[in-house]
Amino acid sequence: MIRSELIQKIADENPHLYQRDVEKIVNTIFERITDAMAQGNRVELRGFGAFSVKKRDPRLGRNPRTGEAVEVDEKHVPFFKTGKLLRDRLNGQ
């Protein structure tokens, strides 16, 4: 499901809301999650999962085309850990 499909589904299930308002709500939620992660905070949605940021240390990598050694800088990457309810539902329990 993509963002526009999510917005459409929520708007269809809530006919008392305008689609533009649903779009603002969804965009605000995603912005708040992104802002929190950018500050290094963890975002937990009970029953769904938790978003966090993991730090990857600098390392020596290889250019696959030339085989030449390349230094890869330290970076921060998003990480998602599923919640128990989501995991159970995906596994049919």
PDB file of N, CA and C in Angstrom:
ATOM      1  N   MET A   1       0.844  -1.176   0.000  1.00  0.00           N
ATOM      2  CA  MET A   1       0.000   0.000   0.000  1.00  0.00           C
ATOM      3  C   MET A   1       0.892   1.243   0.000  1.00  0.00           C
ATOM      4  N   ILE A   2       0.538   2.184  -0.819  1.00  0.00           N
ATOM      5  CA  ILE A   2       1.274   3.441  -0.875  1.00  0.00           C
ATOM      6  C   ILE A   2       0.473   4.534  -0.156  1.00  0.00           C
ATOM      7  N   ARG A   3       1.107   5.667   0.073  1.00  0.00           N
ATOM      8  CA  ARG A   3       0.499   6.745   0.855  1.00  0.00           C
ATOM      9  C   ARG A   3      -0.868   7.148   0.301  1.00  0.00           C
ATOM     10  N   SER A   4      -0.976   7.317  -1.010  1.00  0.00           N
ATOM     11  CA  SER A   4      -2.256   7.751  -1.590  1.00  0.00           C
ATOM     12  C   SER A   4      -3.348   6.696  -1.386  1.00  0.00           C
ATOM     13  N   GLU A   5      -2.993   5.417  -1.417  1.00  0.00           N
ATOM     14  CA  GLU A   5      -3.968   4.354  -1.161  1.00  0.00           C
ATOM     15  C   GLU A   5      -4.416   4.386   0.299  1.00  0.00           C
ATOM     16  N   LEU A   6      -3.484   4.640   1.212  1.00  0.00           N
ATOM     17  CA  LEU A   6      -3.818   4.747   2.630  1.00  0.00           C
ATOM     18  C   LEU A   6      -4.784   5.903   2.859  1.00  0.00           C
ATOM     19  N   ILE A   7      -4.490   7.041   2.259  1.00  0.00           N
ATOM     20  CA  ILE A   7      -5.352   8.220   2.393  1.00  0.00           C
ATOM     21  C   ILE A   7      -6.744   7.917   1.849  1.00  0.00           C
ATOM     22  N   GLN A   8      -6.819   7.283   0.692  1.00  0.00           N
ATOM     23  CA  GLN A   8      -8.104   6.958   0.076  1.00  0.00           C
ATOM     24  C   GLN A   8      -8.897   5.980   0.943  1.00  0.00           C
ATOM     25  N   LYS A   9      -8.225   4.976   1.491  1.00  0.00           N
ATOM     26  CA  LYS A   9      -8.896   3.977   2.332  1.00  0.00           C
ATOM     27  C   LYS A   9      -9.467   4.622   3.592  1.00  0.00           C
ATOM     28  N   ILE A  10      -8.684   5.485   4.234  1.00  0.00           N
ATOM     29  CA  ILE A  10      -9.165   6.168   5.442  1.00  0.00           C
ATOM     30  C   ILE A  10     -10.331   7.090   5.096  1.00  0.00           C
ATOM     31  N   ALA A  11     -10.235   7.797   3.984  1.00  0.00           N
ATOM     32  CA  ALA A  11     -11.310   8.698   3.559  1.00  0.00           C
ATOM     33  C   ALA A  11     -12.586   7.910   3.243  1.00  0.00           C
ATOM     34  N   ASP A  12     -12.439   6.745   2.612  1.00  0.00           N
ATOM     35  CA  ASP A  12     -13.605   5.911   2.293  1.00  0.00           C
ATOM     36  C   ASP A  12     -14.286   5.374   3.557  1.00  0.00           C
ATOM     37  N   GLU A  13     -13.485   5.028   4.563  1.00  0.00           N
ATOM     38  CA  GLU A  13     -14.022   4.472   5.807  1.00  0.00           C
ATOM     39  C   GLU A  13     -14.577   5.554   6.740  1.00  0.00           C
ATOM     40  N   ASN A  14     -14.244   6.815   6.447  1.00  0.00           N
ATOM     41  CA  ASN A  14     -14.707   7.936   7.271  1.00  0.00           C
ATOM     42  C   ASN A  14     -15.322   9.008   6.382  1.00  0.00           C
ATOM     43  N   PRO A  15     -16.543   8.764   5.879  1.00  0.00           N
ATOM     44  CA  PRO A  15     -17.146   9.711   4.923  1.00  0.00           C
ATOM     45  C   PRO A  15     -17.413  11.094   5.510  1.00  0.00           C
ATOM     46  N   HIS A  16     -17.390  11.224   6.833  1.00  0.00           N
ATOM     47  CA  HIS A  16     -17.604  12.533   7.456  1.00  0.00           C
ATOM     48  C   HIS A  16     -16.364  13.422   7.375  1.00  0.00           C
ATOM     49  N   LEU A  17     -15.229  12.862   6.936  1.00  0.00           N
ATOM     50  CA  LEU A  17     -13.989  13.628   6.785  1.00  0.00           C
ATOM     51  C   LEU A  17     -13.734  13.936   5.317  1.00  0.00           C
ATOM     52  N   TYR A  18     -13.245  15.133   5.064  1.00  0.00           N
ATOM     53  CA  TYR A  18     -12.852  15.487   3.703  1.00  0.00           C
ATOM     54  C   TYR A  18     -11.524  14.813   3.383  1.00  0.00           C
ATOM     55  N   GLN A  19     -11.341  14.466   2.122  1.00  0.00           N
ATOM     56  CA  GLN A  19     -10.101  13.799   1.730  1.00  0.00           C
ATOM     57  C   GLN A  19      -8.891  14.684   1.990  1.00  0.00           C
ATOM     58  N   ARG A  20      -9.006  15.976   1.788  1.00  0.00           N
ATOM     59  CA  ARG A  20      -7.871  16.875   2.033  1.00  0.00           C
ATOM     60  C   ARG A  20      -7.493  16.889   3.511  1.00  0.00           C
ATOM     61  N   ASP A  21      -8.493  16.736   4.402  1.00  0.00           N
ATOM     62  CA  ASP A  21      -8.199  16.678   5.836  1.00  0.00           C
ATOM     63  C   ASP A  21      -7.506  15.370   6.195  1.00  0.00           C
ATOM     64  N   VAL A  22      -7.956  14.270   5.605  1.00  0.00           N
ATOM     65  CA  VAL A  22      -7.324  12.969   5.838  1.00  0.00           C
ATOM     66  C   VAL A  22      -5.876  13.024   5.362  1.00  0.00           C
ATOM     67  N   GLU A  23      -5.648  13.662   4.210  1.00  0.00           N
ATOM     68  CA  GLU A  23      -4.292  13.791   3.671  1.00  0.00           C
ATOM     69  C   GLU A  23      -3.407  14.588   4.633  1.00  0.00           C
ATOM     70  N   LYS A  24      -3.933  15.666   5.209  1.00  0.00           N
ATOM     71  CA  LYS A  24      -3.173  16.456   6.184  1.00  0.00           C
ATOM     72  C   LYS A  24      -2.840  15.627   7.418  1.00  0.00           C
ATOM     73  N   ILE A  25      -3.803  14.830   7.883  1.00  0.00           N
ATOM     74  CA  ILE A  25      -3.596  13.998   9.068  1.00  0.00           C
ATOM     75  C   ILE A  25      -2.493  12.975   8.817  1.00  0.00           C
ATOM     76  N   VAL A  26      -2.587  12.265   7.703  1.00  0.00           N
ATOM     77  CA  VAL A  26      -1.595  11.232   7.375  1.00  0.00           C
ATOM     78  C   VAL A  26      -0.214  11.864   7.206  1.00  0.00           C
ATOM     79  N   ASN A  27      -0.146  12.976   6.495  1.00  0.00           N
ATOM     80  CA  ASN A  27       1.138  13.646   6.289  1.00  0.00           C
ATOM     81  C   ASN A  27       1.728  14.135   7.612  1.00  0.00           C
ATOM     82  N   THR A  28       0.886  14.638   8.509  1.00  0.00           N
ATOM     83  CA  THR A  28       1.356  15.100   9.814  1.00  0.00           C
ATOM     84  C   THR A  28       1.925  13.945  10.632  1.00  0.00           C
ATOM     85  N   ILE A  29       1.243  12.810  10.610  1.00  0.00           N
ATOM     86  CA  ILE A  29       1.736  11.638  11.350  1.00  0.00           C
ATOM     87  C   ILE A  29       3.111  11.229  10.825  1.00  0.00           C
ATOM     88  N   PHE A  30       3.248  11.126   9.507  1.00  0.00           N
ATOM     89  CA  PHE A  30       4.534  10.729   8.929  1.00  0.00           C
ATOM     90  C   PHE A  30       5.618  11.764   9.223  1.00  0.00           C
ATOM     91  N   GLU A  31       5.267  13.049   9.189  1.00  0.00           N
ATOM     92  CA  GLU A  31       6.247  14.100   9.490  1.00  0.00           C
ATOM     93  C   GLU A  31       6.724  14.006  10.938  1.00  0.00           C
ATOM     94  N   ARG A  32       5.808  13.749  11.868  1.00  0.00           N
ATOM     95  CA  ARG A  32       6.179  13.648  13.283  1.00  0.00           C
ATOM     96  C   ARG A  32       7.079  12.444  13.524  1.00  0.00           C
ATOM     97  N   ILE A  33       6.779  11.325  12.877  1.00  0.00           N
ATOM     98  CA  ILE A  33       7.638  10.144  13.000  1.00  0.00           C
ATOM     99  C   ILE A  33       9.026  10.457  12.454  1.00  0.00           C
ATOM    100  N   THR A  34       9.072  11.090  11.294  1.00  0.00           N
ATOM    101  CA  THR A  34      10.347  11.450  10.667  1.00  0.00           C
ATOM    102  C   THR A  34      11.130  12.431  11.529  1.00  0.00           C
ATOM    103  N   ASP A  35      10.454  13.447  12.062  1.00  0.00           N
ATOM    104  CA  ASP A  35      11.121  14.435  12.919  1.00  0.00           C
ATOM    105  C   ASP A  35      11.704  13.783  14.164  1.00  0.00           C
ATOM    106  N   ALA A  36      10.931  12.911  14.786  1.00  0.00           N
ATOM    107  CA  ALA A  36      11.402  12.242  15.999  1.00  0.00           C
ATOM    108  C   ALA A  36      12.629  11.389  15.700  1.00  0.00           C
ATOM    109  N   MET A  37      12.597  10.661  14.590  1.00  0.00           N
ATOM    110  CA  MET A  37      13.740   9.815  14.229  1.00  0.00           C
ATOM    111  C   MET A  37      14.953  10.662  13.870  1.00  0.00           C
ATOM    112  N   ALA A  38      14.736  11.809  13.230  1.00  0.00           N
ATOM    113  CA  ALA A  38      15.844  12.696  12.873  1.00  0.00           C
ATOM    114  C   ALA A  38      16.541  13.223  14.122  1.00  0.00           C
ATOM    115  N   GLN A  39      15.801  13.316  15.224  1.00  0.00           N
ATOM    116  CA  GLN A  39      16.383  13.764  16.496  1.00  0.00           C
ATOM    117  C   GLN A  39      16.983  12.596  17.275  1.00  0.00           C
ATOM    118  N   GLY A  40      16.900  11.401  16.710  1.00  0.00           N
ATOM    119  CA  GLY A  40      17.479  10.229  17.357  1.00  0.00           C
ATOM    120  C   GLY A  40      16.537   9.532  18.319  1.00  0.00           C
ATOM    121  N   ASN A  41      15.268   9.927  18.318  1.00  0.00           N
ATOM    122  CA  ASN A  41      14.288   9.326  19.215  1.00  0.00           C
ATOM    123  C   ASN A  41      13.670   8.068  18.607  1.00  0.00           C
ATOM    124  N   ARG A  42      13.077   7.274  19.469  1.00  0.00           N
ATOM    125  CA  ARG A  42      12.394   6.047  19.067  1.00  0.00           C
ATOM    126  C   ARG A  42      10.902   6.336  19.033  1.00  0.00           C
ATOM    127  N   VAL A  43      10.195   5.800  18.028  1.00  0.00           N
ATOM    128  CA  VAL A  43       8.751   5.986  17.912  1.00  0.00           C
ATOM    129  C   VAL A  43       8.097   4.618  18.000  1.00  0.00           C
ATOM    130  N   GLU A  44       7.235   4.449  19.003  1.00  0.00           N
ATOM    131  CA  GLU A  44       6.582   3.158  19.198  1.00  0.00           C
ATOM    132  C   GLU A  44       5.085   3.288  18.975  1.00  0.00           C
ATOM    133  N   LEU A  45       4.553   2.431  18.114  1.00  0.00           N
ATOM    134  CA  LEU A  45       3.118   2.349  17.887  1.00  0.00           C
ATOM    135  C   LEU A  45       2.678   1.004  18.448  1.00  0.00           C
ATOM    136  N   ARG A  46       2.072   1.010  19.615  1.00  0.00           N
ATOM    137  CA  ARG A  46       1.732  -0.226  20.317  1.00  0.00           C
ATOM    138  C   ARG A  46       0.940  -1.169  19.417  1.00  0.00           C
ATOM    139  N   GLY A  47       1.360  -2.422  19.391  1.00  0.00           N
ATOM    140  CA  GLY A  47       0.695  -3.439  18.594  1.00  0.00           C
ATOM    141  C   GLY A  47       1.177  -3.487  17.158  1.00  0.00           C
ATOM    142  N   PHE A  48       1.815  -2.429  16.701  1.00  0.00           N
ATOM    143  CA  PHE A  48       2.305  -2.377  15.318  1.00  0.00           C
ATOM    144  C   PHE A  48       3.809  -2.576  15.269  1.00  0.00           C
ATOM    145  N   GLY A  49       4.536  -1.720  15.981  1.00  0.00           N
ATOM    146  CA  GLY A  49       5.988  -1.851  15.994  1.00  0.00           C
ATOM    147  C   GLY A  49       6.662  -0.573  16.439  1.00  0.00           C
ATOM    148  N   ALA A  50       7.981  -0.585  16.349  1.00  0.00           N
ATOM    149  CA  ALA A  50       8.770   0.561  16.799  1.00  0.00           C
ATOM    150  C   ALA A  50       9.774   0.960  15.727  1.00  0.00           C
ATOM    151  N   PHE A  51       9.847   2.251  15.470  1.00  0.00           N
ATOM    152  CA  PHE A  51      10.821   2.814  14.547  1.00  0.00           C
ATOM    153  C   PHE A  51      11.964   3.378  15.377  1.00  0.00           C
ATOM    154  N   SER A  52      13.181   3.104  14.971  1.00  0.00           N
ATOM    155  CA  SER A  52      14.335   3.665  15.663  1.00  0.00           C
ATOM    156  C   SER A  52      15.437   3.928  14.639  1.00  0.00           C
ATOM    157  N   VAL A  53      16.510   4.522  15.126  1.00  0.00           N
ATOM    158  CA  VAL A  53      17.643   4.844  14.262  1.00  0.00           C
ATOM    159  C   VAL A  53      18.850   4.063  14.762  1.00  0.00           C
ATOM    160  N   LYS A  54      19.511   3.378  13.865  1.00  0.00           N
ATOM    161  CA  LYS A  54      20.722   2.638  14.228  1.00  0.00           C
ATOM    162  C   LYS A  54      21.924   3.314  13.573  1.00  0.00           C
ATOM    163  N   LYS A  55      23.026   3.309  14.296  1.00  0.00           N
ATOM    164  CA  LYS A  55      24.258   3.913  13.790  1.00  0.00           C
ATOM    165  C   LYS A  55      25.122   2.824  13.170  1.00  0.00           C
ATOM    166  N   ARG A  56      25.574   3.078  11.971  1.00  0.00           N
ATOM    167  CA  ARG A  56      26.514   2.169  11.318  1.00  0.00           C
ATOM    168  C   ARG A  56      27.888   2.819  11.366  1.00  0.00           C
ATOM    169  N   ASP A  57      28.839   2.104  11.914  1.00  0.00           N
ATOM    170  CA  ASP A  57      30.196   2.621  12.052  1.00  0.00           C
ATOM    171  C   ASP A  57      30.870   2.739  10.688  1.00  0.00           C
ATOM    172  N   PRO A  58      31.884   3.611  10.595  1.00  0.00           N
ATOM    173  CA  PRO A  58      32.633   3.692   9.344  1.00  0.00           C
ATOM    174  C   PRO A  58      33.332   2.353   9.083  1.00  0.00           C
ATOM    175  N   ARG A  59      33.487   2.035   7.811  1.00  0.00           N
ATOM    176  CA  ARG A  59      34.108   0.754   7.476  1.00  0.00           C
ATOM    177  C   ARG A  59      34.829   0.874   6.141  1.00  0.00           C
ATOM    178  N   LEU A  60      35.582  -0.152   5.831  1.00  0.00           N
ATOM    179  CA  LEU A  60      36.268  -0.217   4.552  1.00  0.00           C
ATOM    180  C   LEU A  60      35.468  -1.141   3.647  1.00  0.00           C
ATOM    181  N   GLY A  61      34.974  -0.586   2.544  1.00  0.00           N
ATOM    182  CA  GLY A  61      34.184  -1.364   1.598  1.00  0.00           C
ATOM    183  C   GLY A  61      34.954  -1.559   0.302  1.00  0.00           C
ATOM    184  N   ARG A  62      34.317  -2.180  -0.650  1.00  0.00           N
ATOM    185  CA  ARG A  62      34.942  -2.417  -1.954  1.00  0.00           C
ATOM    186  C   ARG A  62      34.022  -1.940  -3.069  1.00  0.00           C
ATOM    187  N   ASN A  63      34.615  -1.329  -4.066  1.00  0.00           N
ATOM    188  CA  ASN A  63      33.882  -0.958  -5.264  1.00  0.00           C
ATOM    189  C   ASN A  63      33.675  -2.253  -6.058  1.00  0.00           C
ATOM    190  N   PRO A  64      32.432  -2.676  -6.278  1.00  0.00           N
ATOM    191  CA  PRO A  64      32.205  -3.952  -6.951  1.00  0.00           C
ATOM    192  C   PRO A  64      32.687  -3.973  -8.406  1.00  0.00           C
ATOM    193  N   ARG A  65      32.757  -2.823  -9.023  1.00  0.00           N
ATOM    194  CA  ARG A  65      33.173  -2.761 -10.419  1.00  0.00           C
ATOM    195  C   ARG A  65      34.684  -2.906 -10.565  1.00  0.00           C
ATOM    196  N   THR A  66      35.430  -2.219  -9.681  1.00  0.00           N
ATOM    197  CA  THR A  66      36.892  -2.208  -9.838  1.00  0.00           C
ATOM    198  C   THR A  66      37.610  -3.046  -8.786  1.00  0.00           C
ATOM    199  N   GLY A  67      36.915  -3.367  -7.685  1.00  0.00           N
ATOM    200  CA  GLY A  67      37.552  -4.104  -6.604  1.00  0.00           C
ATOM    201  C   GLY A  67      38.392  -3.211  -5.703  1.00  0.00           C
ATOM    202  N   GLU A  68      38.402  -1.934  -5.992  1.00  0.00           N
ATOM    203  CA  GLU A  68      39.193  -0.977  -5.227  1.00  0.00           C
ATOM    204  C   GLU A  68      38.576  -0.754  -3.836  1.00  0.00           C
ATOM    205  N   ALA A  69      39.422  -0.622  -2.819  1.00  0.00           N
ATOM    206  CA  ALA A  69      38.964  -0.366  -1.462  1.00  0.00           C
ATOM    207  C   ALA A  69      38.428   1.063  -1.366  1.00  0.00           C
ATOM    208  N   VAL A  70      37.281   1.207  -0.703  1.00  0.00           N
ATOM    209  CA  VAL A  70      36.630   2.505  -0.566  1.00  0.00           C
ATOM    210  C   VAL A  70      36.223   2.684   0.894  1.00  0.00           C
ATOM    211  N   GLU A  71      36.502   3.859   1.443  1.00  0.00           N
ATOM    212  CA  GLU A  71      36.083   4.134   2.814  1.00  0.00           C
ATOM    213  C   GLU A  71      34.608   4.531   2.813  1.00  0.00           C
ATOM    214  N   VAL A  72      33.820   3.887   3.660  1.00  0.00           N
ATOM    215  CA  VAL A  72      32.407   4.204   3.798  1.00  0.00           C
ATOM    216  C   VAL A  72      32.236   4.933   5.129  1.00  0.00           C
ATOM    217  N   ASP A  73      31.668   6.138   5.067  1.00  0.00           N
ATOM    218  CA  ASP A  73      31.503   6.973   6.258  1.00  0.00           C
ATOM    219  C   ASP A  73      30.468   6.384   7.218  1.00  0.00           C
ATOM    220  N   GLU A  74      30.542   6.852   8.448  1.00  0.00           N
ATOM    221  CA  GLU A  74      29.534   6.503   9.450  1.00  0.00           C
ATOM    222  C   GLU A  74      28.188   7.033   8.965  1.00  0.00           C
ATOM    223  N   LYS A  75      27.127   6.280   9.224  1.00  0.00           N
ATOM    224  CA  LYS A  75      25.811   6.768   8.850  1.00  0.00           C
ATOM    225  C   LYS A  75      24.754   6.234   9.797  1.00  0.00           C
ATOM    226  N   HIS A  76      23.615   6.884   9.767  1.00  0.00           N
ATOM    227  CA  HIS A  76      22.481   6.486  10.588  1.00  0.00           C
ATOM    228  C   HIS A  76      21.391   5.968   9.653  1.00  0.00           C
ATOM    229  N   VAL A  77      20.824   4.825   9.985  1.00  0.00           N
ATOM    230  CA  VAL A  77      19.810   4.209   9.127  1.00  0.00           C
ATOM    231  C   VAL A  77      18.551   3.918   9.939  1.00  0.00           C
ATOM    232  N   PRO A  78      17.371   4.040   9.296  1.00  0.00           N
ATOM    233  CA  PRO A  78      16.133   3.727   9.998  1.00  0.00           C
ATOM    234  C   PRO A  78      16.006   2.222  10.209  1.00  0.00           C
ATOM    235  N   PHE A  79      15.373   1.855  11.324  1.00  0.00           N
ATOM    236  CA  PHE A  79      15.183   0.451  11.664  1.00  0.00           C
ATOM    237  C   PHE A  79      13.759   0.290  12.186  1.00  0.00           C
ATOM    238  N   PHE A  80      13.101  -0.797  11.776  1.00  0.00           N
ATOM    239  CA  PHE A  80      11.741  -1.069  12.233  1.00  0.00           C
ATOM    240  C   PHE A  80      11.684  -2.454  12.860  1.00  0.00           C
ATOM    241  N   LYS A  81      11.139  -2.517  14.046  1.00  0.00           N
ATOM    242  CA  LYS A  81      10.961  -3.804  14.724  1.00  0.00           C
ATOM    243  C   LYS A  81       9.464  -4.008  14.914  1.00  0.00           C
ATOM    244  N   THR A  82       8.947  -5.117  14.401  1.00  0.00           N
ATOM    245  CA  THR A  82       7.515  -5.370  14.484  1.00  0.00           C
ATOM    246  C   THR A  82       7.084  -5.628  15.923  1.00  0.00           C
ATOM    247  N   GLY A  83       5.852  -5.239  16.217  1.00  0.00           N
ATOM    248  CA  GLY A  83       5.270  -5.500  17.519  1.00  0.00           C
ATOM    249  C   GLY A  83       4.711  -6.919  17.578  1.00  0.00           C
ATOM    250  N   LYS A  84       4.447  -7.384  18.771  1.00  0.00           N
ATOM    251  CA  LYS A  84       3.985  -8.754  18.966  1.00  0.00           C
ATOM    252  C   LYS A  84       2.644  -9.005  18.263  1.00  0.00           C
ATOM    253  N   LEU A  85       1.706  -8.068  18.370  1.00  0.00           N
ATOM    254  CA  LEU A  85       0.395  -8.257  17.739  1.00  0.00           C
ATOM    255  C   LEU A  85       0.514  -8.377  16.221  1.00  0.00           C
ATOM    256  N   LEU A  86       1.341  -7.543  15.601  1.00  0.00           N
ATOM    257  CA  LEU A  86       1.541  -7.610  14.163  1.00  0.00           C
ATOM    258  C   LEU A  86       2.201  -8.925  13.771  1.00  0.00           C
ATOM    259  N   ARG A  87       3.218  -9.315  14.514  1.00  0.00           N
ATOM    260  CA  ARG A  87       3.919 -10.577  14.233  1.00  0.00           C
ATOM    261  C   ARG A  87       2.958 -11.762  14.337  1.00  0.00           C
ATOM    262  N   ASP A  88       2.148 -11.777  15.385  1.00  0.00           N
ATOM    263  CA  ASP A  88       1.178 -12.856  15.570  1.00  0.00           C
ATOM    264  C   ASP A  88       0.158 -12.896  14.439  1.00  0.00           C
ATOM    265  N   ARG A  89      -0.312 -11.722  14.025  1.00  0.00           N
ATOM    266  CA  ARG A  89      -1.300 -11.678  12.944  1.00  0.00           C
ATOM    267  C   ARG A  89      -0.723 -12.146  11.616  1.00  0.00           C
ATOM    268  N   LEU A  90       0.535 -11.784  11.353  1.00  0.00           N
ATOM    269  CA  LEU A  90       1.185 -12.219  10.113  1.00  0.00           C
ATOM    270  C   LEU A  90       1.413 -13.728  10.102  1.00  0.00           C
ATOM    271  N   ASN A  91       1.577 -14.301  11.290  1.00  0.00           N
ATOM    272  CA  ASN A  91       1.819 -15.738  11.385  1.00  0.00           C
ATOM    273  C   ASN A  91       0.540 -16.529  11.645  1.00  0.00           C
ATOM    274  N   GLY A  92      -0.618 -15.877  11.497  1.00  0.00           N
ATOM    275  CA  GLY A  92      -1.901 -16.564  11.603  1.00  0.00           C
ATOM    276  C   GLY A  92      -2.279 -17.025  12.990  1.00  0.00           C
ATOM    277  N   GLN A  93      -1.806 -16.353  14.001  1.00  0.00           N
ATOM    278  CA  GLN A  93      -2.117 -16.774  15.380  1.00  0.00           C
ATOM    279  C   GLN A  93      -3.138 -15.886  16.004  1.00  0.00           C
TER     280      GLN A  93
END
